[in-house]
Amino acid sequence: MRREVFRRRASPRPLPPPLKGRGLVALVALTLLSACGPQIGDLERGEEGRVVRAFSGDGLELDTGLVVFLAEIDAPRGDAAYAAQAQGELEALTLHREVLLTYGGTKRWIGRPREGEEAPREAAIAHVFVKSEGGRWFWLQHELVSRGAAYVRPRRDNHARAAELIEIEAQARAAERGLWGERDYRPVNVRSAVRTAMEANANCLRGDAPYRLVEGRISEARAFERRASLAMEGAPTETPPFAIVVFGESFSSWDGPPLASLTGARVLARGPLGVYRGQPQLCLDHASQLEVLPD
């Protein structure tokens, strides 16, 4: 720290009177605020840097060259409705600002090398805290979700803040802020989910499977040795039944309500829509993707 050197004055100025009342409170509050860093809670502290680029509404690049994907959220991209606005929100909040990466799950995404490259692509999967112009730190995921610039997408290996983010998202959705003002992103009924799944005709484990929020009632919940199937009311009679499915590691590590007990429950499920052996379905990766709603 640089030491300030003061010369003696022949006639020193009188000291100002001590602060009292609101002035003292304001000074103490300002001192505490400037001393506070990002409130990361139980997240693991990671790298620091300055943002030089924002892309796709949920991705950043730091001055260190590190690419960052925002954990537990997704934003519209490409030609999708609200994609340009989502990217604009991310740029406005982060560009040229200092950030701190924190982790609550899997830290790295590893992708295949591009054509002509040998090394695989790599990106951090992080919760990001941004230092504003006034020196205040804020949680980027919270800000994006509350503005309706992104939606919550928890995963089995990244769901540390899912419950909090889903609550924030519900408020933005009720107010139709941001992307929630677009019909494409509002929760759909089972009939619409079936139509979207059949049109996409993809495996729900593929990255390009459409991700939707589906609201409806479970007509029959069945749990087997390695999977569960929650059939939903409202599917068209000309198509196979629509089901919410859980299988593999997602089933073995399930920590939500007992799946076999959900017959008759009204739920809001979020996940990729796909088709398996002709049956339209929504795949769950983690219990935070299934909300049991009050009747």
Protein backbone atom coordinates (compact mmCIF):
# COMPACT_ATOMS: atom_id res chain seq x y z
CA MET A 1 0.00 0.00 0.00
CA ARG A 2 1.36 3.46 -0.90
CA ARG A 3 2.34 5.51 2.18
CA GLU A 4 1.17 9.11 2.12
CA VAL A 5 3.69 11.64 3.48
CA PHE A 6 2.39 14.93 4.91
CA ARG A 7 4.44 18.02 5.67
CA ARG A 8 3.92 19.84 8.93
CA ARG A 9 1.99 23.02 8.72
CA ALA A 10 2.87 26.01 10.80
CA SER A 11 -0.78 26.59 11.62
CA PRO A 12 -2.65 23.30 11.36
CA ARG A 13 -6.32 23.42 10.50
CA PRO A 14 -8.71 22.59 13.29
CA LEU A 15 -10.10 19.05 13.27
CA PRO A 16 -13.70 18.70 12.09
CA PRO A 17 -16.27 17.91 14.77
CA PRO A 18 -16.93 14.20 15.34
CA LEU A 19 -19.66 12.65 13.27
CA LYS A 20 -22.94 12.03 15.01
CA GLY A 21 -26.30 10.53 14.19
CA ARG A 22 -27.03 9.78 10.54
CA GLY A 23 -23.60 10.91 9.41
CA LEU A 24 -21.89 8.34 11.59
CA VAL A 25 -24.31 5.59 10.52
CA ALA A 26 -23.74 6.40 6.84
CA LEU A 27 -19.95 6.35 7.27
CA VAL A 28 -20.06 2.99 9.05
CA ALA A 29 -22.37 1.54 6.40
CA LEU A 30 -20.12 2.78 3.59
CA THR A 31 -17.05 1.33 5.29
CA LEU A 32 -18.72 -2.04 5.75
CA LEU A 33 -19.97 -2.08 2.16
CA SER A 34 -16.55 -1.33 0.71
CA ALA A 35 -15.01 -4.03 2.89
CA CYS A 36 -17.49 -6.68 1.80
CA GLY A 37 -16.59 -9.01 -1.00
CA PRO A 38 -18.90 -11.24 -2.99
CA GLN A 39 -21.23 -13.25 -0.79
CA ILE A 40 -20.52 -16.70 -2.19
CA GLY A 41 -21.91 -18.75 0.72
CA ASP A 42 -20.96 -22.41 0.44
CA LEU A 43 -19.76 -22.14 -3.17
CA GLU A 44 -16.08 -22.83 -3.81
CA ARG A 45 -13.99 -19.81 -4.73
CA GLY A 46 -12.34 -20.02 -8.14
CA GLU A 47 -10.60 -17.90 -10.76
CA GLU A 48 -10.78 -14.13 -11.18
CA GLY A 49 -10.59 -12.06 -14.32
CA ARG A 50 -12.14 -9.38 -16.48
CA VAL A 51 -14.84 -10.09 -19.05
CA VAL A 52 -13.80 -9.35 -22.64
CA ARG A 53 -16.70 -11.00 -24.46
CA ALA A 54 -20.25 -12.20 -23.83
CA PHE A 55 -22.00 -14.63 -26.15
CA SER A 56 -25.26 -16.58 -26.44
CA GLY A 57 -26.75 -15.01 -23.32
CA ASP A 58 -25.11 -17.55 -20.99
CA GLY A 59 -21.42 -17.62 -21.94
CA LEU A 60 -18.46 -15.37 -21.19
CA GLU A 61 -14.79 -15.09 -22.09
CA LEU A 62 -12.26 -13.64 -19.63
CA ASP A 63 -9.07 -11.73 -20.33
CA THR A 64 -7.18 -14.85 -19.26
CA GLY A 65 -8.67 -16.70 -22.25
CA LEU A 66 -10.91 -18.85 -20.07
CA VAL A 67 -14.40 -19.48 -21.49
CA VAL A 68 -17.16 -19.64 -18.89
CA PHE A 69 -20.58 -21.27 -19.13
CA LEU A 70 -23.04 -20.03 -16.50
CA ALA A 71 -23.98 -22.89 -14.19
CA GLU A 72 -27.62 -23.88 -13.61
CA ILE A 73 -29.14 -21.53 -16.19
CA ASP A 74 -29.63 -21.38 -19.95
CA ALA A 75 -30.57 -18.54 -22.26
CA PRO A 76 -32.10 -18.42 -25.75
CA ARG A 77 -29.51 -18.55 -28.50
CA GLY A 78 -29.14 -18.39 -32.26
CA ASP A 79 -32.36 -17.46 -34.03
CA ALA A 80 -34.58 -18.27 -31.04
CA ALA A 81 -37.00 -15.67 -29.72
CA TYR A 82 -35.38 -13.25 -27.24
CA ALA A 83 -31.85 -14.52 -28.01
CA ALA A 84 -30.51 -11.10 -29.01
CA GLN A 85 -32.03 -9.44 -25.95
CA ALA A 86 -30.58 -12.11 -23.65
CA GLN A 87 -27.09 -11.57 -25.04
CA GLY A 88 -27.55 -7.81 -24.70
CA GLU A 89 -28.48 -8.18 -21.02
CA LEU A 90 -25.39 -10.31 -20.38
CA GLU A 91 -23.13 -7.81 -22.13
CA ALA A 92 -24.60 -4.88 -20.21
CA LEU A 93 -24.05 -6.63 -16.88
CA THR A 94 -20.55 -8.02 -17.43
CA LEU A 95 -18.54 -6.51 -20.28
CA HIS A 96 -15.15 -5.09 -19.12
CA ARG A 97 -15.98 -5.79 -15.46
CA GLU A 98 -14.10 -7.81 -12.87
CA VAL A 99 -15.63 -11.17 -12.03
CA LEU A 100 -15.08 -14.00 -9.60
CA LEU A 101 -15.88 -17.58 -10.58
CA THR A 102 -17.32 -19.93 -7.96
CA TYR A 103 -18.26 -23.59 -8.13
CA GLY A 104 -21.02 -25.75 -6.70
CA GLY A 105 -20.71 -28.82 -8.92
CA THR A 106 -18.80 -30.05 -11.95
CA LYS A 107 -16.24 -27.36 -12.79
CA ARG A 108 -15.34 -28.07 -16.40
CA TRP A 109 -17.00 -28.85 -19.71
CA ILE A 110 -14.79 -30.75 -22.12
CA GLY A 111 -15.77 -30.76 -25.79
CA ARG A 112 -14.42 -32.39 -28.89
CA PRO A 113 -11.54 -30.62 -30.68
CA ARG A 114 -12.50 -28.45 -33.62
CA GLU A 115 -11.46 -29.50 -37.09
CA GLY A 116 -7.69 -29.07 -37.46
CA GLU A 117 -7.12 -28.85 -33.69
CA GLU A 118 -5.73 -31.55 -31.44
CA ALA A 119 -6.55 -30.23 -27.98
CA PRO A 120 -10.15 -30.66 -26.75
CA ARG A 121 -12.18 -27.56 -26.07
CA GLU A 122 -12.62 -26.64 -22.43
CA ALA A 123 -14.82 -24.21 -20.51
CA ALA A 124 -15.53 -23.47 -16.86
CA ILE A 125 -19.05 -24.15 -15.53
CA ALA A 126 -19.43 -21.57 -12.80
CA HIS A 127 -21.56 -19.26 -10.74
CA VAL A 128 -20.26 -15.78 -11.49
CA PHE A 129 -20.06 -12.76 -9.21
CA VAL A 130 -19.59 -9.39 -10.91
CA LYS A 131 -18.11 -6.21 -9.47
CA SER A 132 -20.24 -3.24 -10.51
CA GLU A 133 -18.94 0.25 -11.28
CA GLY A 134 -19.82 1.29 -7.75
CA GLY A 135 -17.77 -1.53 -6.26
CA ARG A 136 -20.76 -3.66 -5.28
CA TRP A 137 -20.61 -7.38 -6.03
CA PHE A 138 -23.69 -9.13 -7.38
CA TRP A 139 -24.53 -12.72 -8.32
CA LEU A 140 -24.90 -12.82 -12.09
CA GLN A 141 -27.26 -15.82 -12.29
CA HIS A 142 -29.65 -14.15 -9.85
CA GLU A 143 -29.71 -10.95 -11.89
CA LEU A 144 -30.25 -12.66 -15.24
CA VAL A 145 -33.04 -14.91 -13.98
CA SER A 146 -34.82 -12.08 -12.15
CA ARG A 147 -34.79 -9.99 -15.35
CA GLY A 148 -36.16 -12.87 -17.40
CA ALA A 149 -32.98 -12.97 -19.49
CA ALA A 150 -32.40 -16.67 -18.68
CA TYR A 151 -34.28 -19.67 -17.36
CA VAL A 152 -33.21 -22.17 -14.73
CA ARG A 153 -31.70 -25.43 -15.95
CA PRO A 154 -30.33 -27.53 -13.07
CA ARG A 155 -28.42 -30.71 -13.80
CA ARG A 156 -27.51 -33.78 -11.82
CA ASP A 157 -23.93 -32.55 -11.43
CA ASN A 158 -24.80 -28.84 -10.98
CA HIS A 159 -27.78 -27.90 -8.80
CA ALA A 160 -26.33 -26.17 -5.72
CA ARG A 161 -28.49 -23.04 -6.12
CA ALA A 162 -31.41 -24.52 -8.08
CA ALA A 163 -34.07 -24.06 -5.39
CA GLU A 164 -33.25 -20.37 -4.96
CA LEU A 165 -33.09 -19.71 -8.69
CA ILE A 166 -36.39 -21.50 -9.37
CA GLU A 167 -38.11 -19.28 -6.81
CA ILE A 168 -36.68 -16.17 -8.50
CA GLU A 169 -37.71 -17.50 -11.91
CA ALA A 170 -41.30 -18.02 -10.72
CA GLN A 171 -41.54 -14.33 -9.84
CA ALA A 172 -40.17 -13.26 -13.23
CA ARG A 173 -42.54 -15.68 -14.98
CA ALA A 174 -45.56 -14.35 -13.08
CA ALA A 175 -44.62 -10.80 -14.08
CA GLU A 176 -43.92 -11.91 -17.69
CA ARG A 177 -40.52 -10.25 -17.60
CA GLY A 178 -38.06 -10.75 -20.42
CA LEU A 179 -38.34 -14.07 -22.23
CA TRP A 180 -41.44 -14.98 -20.21
CA GLY A 181 -43.33 -12.45 -22.29
CA GLU A 182 -42.65 -14.72 -25.29
CA ARG A 183 -45.09 -17.54 -25.92
CA ASP A 184 -42.23 -19.92 -26.78
CA TYR A 185 -41.01 -20.12 -23.19
CA ARG A 186 -44.18 -20.20 -21.09
CA PRO A 187 -45.12 -23.51 -19.43
CA VAL A 188 -47.10 -25.71 -21.82
CA ASN A 189 -49.77 -28.33 -21.27
CA VAL A 190 -49.30 -31.99 -22.08
CA ARG A 191 -50.92 -31.75 -25.53
CA SER A 192 -48.47 -29.03 -26.58
CA ALA A 193 -45.56 -30.97 -25.09
CA VAL A 194 -46.51 -34.04 -27.15
CA ARG A 195 -46.64 -31.97 -30.34
CA THR A 196 -43.21 -30.42 -29.66
CA ALA A 197 -41.64 -33.78 -28.81
CA MET A 198 -43.03 -35.51 -31.90
CA GLU A 199 -41.93 -32.67 -34.19
CA ALA A 200 -38.39 -32.72 -32.78
CA ASN A 201 -38.27 -36.54 -32.92
CA ALA A 202 -35.03 -36.59 -30.93
CA ASN A 203 -33.63 -38.53 -28.02
CA CYS A 204 -34.14 -36.44 -24.89
CA LEU A 205 -30.49 -37.01 -23.96
CA ARG A 206 -29.30 -35.13 -27.04
CA GLY A 207 -28.18 -31.56 -26.55
CA ASP A 208 -30.48 -30.24 -29.27
CA ALA A 209 -33.68 -31.69 -27.77
CA PRO A 210 -36.16 -28.85 -27.04
CA TYR A 211 -36.19 -27.82 -23.38
CA ARG A 212 -39.64 -26.94 -22.01
CA LEU A 213 -41.61 -26.38 -18.83
CA VAL A 214 -44.61 -28.71 -18.79
CA GLU A 215 -47.50 -28.45 -16.34
CA GLY A 216 -50.09 -31.17 -15.80
CA ARG A 217 -51.34 -34.00 -13.64
CA ILE A 218 -49.79 -37.44 -13.25
CA SER A 219 -52.28 -40.17 -14.08
CA GLU A 220 -50.06 -43.09 -13.11
CA ALA A 221 -46.66 -43.16 -11.41
CA ARG A 222 -44.62 -46.33 -11.68
CA ALA A 223 -41.13 -46.99 -10.30
CA PHE A 224 -39.10 -50.00 -11.41
CA GLU A 225 -35.70 -51.31 -10.47
CA ARG A 226 -33.72 -48.84 -12.56
CA ARG A 227 -36.18 -46.28 -13.84
CA ALA A 228 -39.48 -44.52 -13.22
CA SER A 229 -42.25 -43.45 -15.57
CA LEU A 230 -44.85 -40.82 -14.67
CA ALA A 231 -47.67 -40.95 -17.23
CA MET A 232 -49.47 -37.63 -17.67
CA GLU A 233 -53.10 -36.79 -18.32
CA GLY A 234 -54.05 -34.84 -21.43
CA ALA A 235 -52.14 -36.55 -24.23
CA PRO A 236 -54.01 -36.75 -27.56
CA THR A 237 -55.79 -40.06 -28.08
CA GLU A 238 -54.07 -40.60 -31.42
CA THR A 239 -50.57 -40.64 -29.85
CA PRO A 240 -48.93 -42.88 -27.23
CA PRO A 241 -49.15 -41.60 -23.63
CA PHE A 242 -46.83 -38.77 -22.62
CA ALA A 243 -44.57 -39.54 -19.65
CA ILE A 244 -41.99 -37.90 -17.43
CA VAL A 245 -39.12 -40.38 -17.17
CA VAL A 246 -36.17 -40.84 -14.80
CA PHE A 247 -33.49 -43.43 -15.45
CA GLY A 248 -29.80 -44.28 -15.08
CA GLU A 249 -27.77 -42.30 -12.56
CA SER A 250 -30.56 -39.75 -12.32
CA PHE A 251 -32.82 -42.50 -10.95
CA SER A 252 -30.26 -44.09 -8.62
CA SER A 253 -29.34 -40.70 -7.10
CA TRP A 254 -32.92 -39.35 -6.91
CA ASP A 255 -33.40 -37.32 -3.70
CA GLY A 256 -36.86 -35.85 -4.34
CA PRO A 257 -40.32 -37.12 -3.41
CA PRO A 258 -40.86 -40.89 -3.82
CA LEU A 259 -41.62 -41.25 -7.50
CA ALA A 260 -44.11 -44.10 -7.07
CA SER A 261 -46.20 -41.92 -4.72
CA LEU A 262 -46.94 -39.18 -7.27
CA THR A 263 -50.07 -40.63 -8.90
CA GLY A 264 -52.66 -37.84 -8.99
CA ALA A 265 -50.16 -35.06 -8.22
CA ARG A 266 -50.17 -31.85 -10.23
CA VAL A 267 -46.61 -31.01 -11.23
CA LEU A 268 -44.45 -28.55 -13.13
CA ALA A 269 -41.58 -30.39 -14.81
CA ARG A 270 -38.70 -28.84 -16.74
CA GLY A 271 -36.51 -30.80 -19.10
CA PRO A 272 -35.72 -31.84 -22.68
CA LEU A 273 -38.51 -33.34 -24.74
CA GLY A 274 -37.88 -36.40 -26.84
CA VAL A 275 -39.29 -39.60 -28.29
CA TYR A 276 -38.28 -43.13 -27.30
CA ARG A 277 -39.78 -46.11 -29.14
CA GLY A 278 -42.57 -43.90 -30.38
CA GLN A 279 -43.47 -42.52 -26.94
CA PRO A 280 -43.14 -38.76 -26.31
CA GLN A 281 -41.42 -38.01 -23.02
CA LEU A 282 -39.67 -35.46 -20.85
CA CYS A 283 -36.43 -36.59 -19.22
CA LEU A 284 -35.51 -35.56 -15.68
CA ASP A 285 -31.85 -35.23 -14.75
CA HIS A 286 -32.34 -34.15 -11.12
CA ALA A 287 -35.12 -33.85 -8.55
CA SER A 288 -34.99 -30.03 -8.69
CA GLN A 289 -36.55 -30.25 -12.16
CA LEU A 290 -39.85 -31.54 -10.74
CA GLU A 291 -42.09 -29.28 -8.65
CA VAL A 292 -45.18 -30.71 -6.99
CA LEU A 293 -47.85 -27.99 -7.15
CA PRO A 294 -50.72 -27.39 -4.73
CA ASP A 295 -54.14 -28.36 -6.07
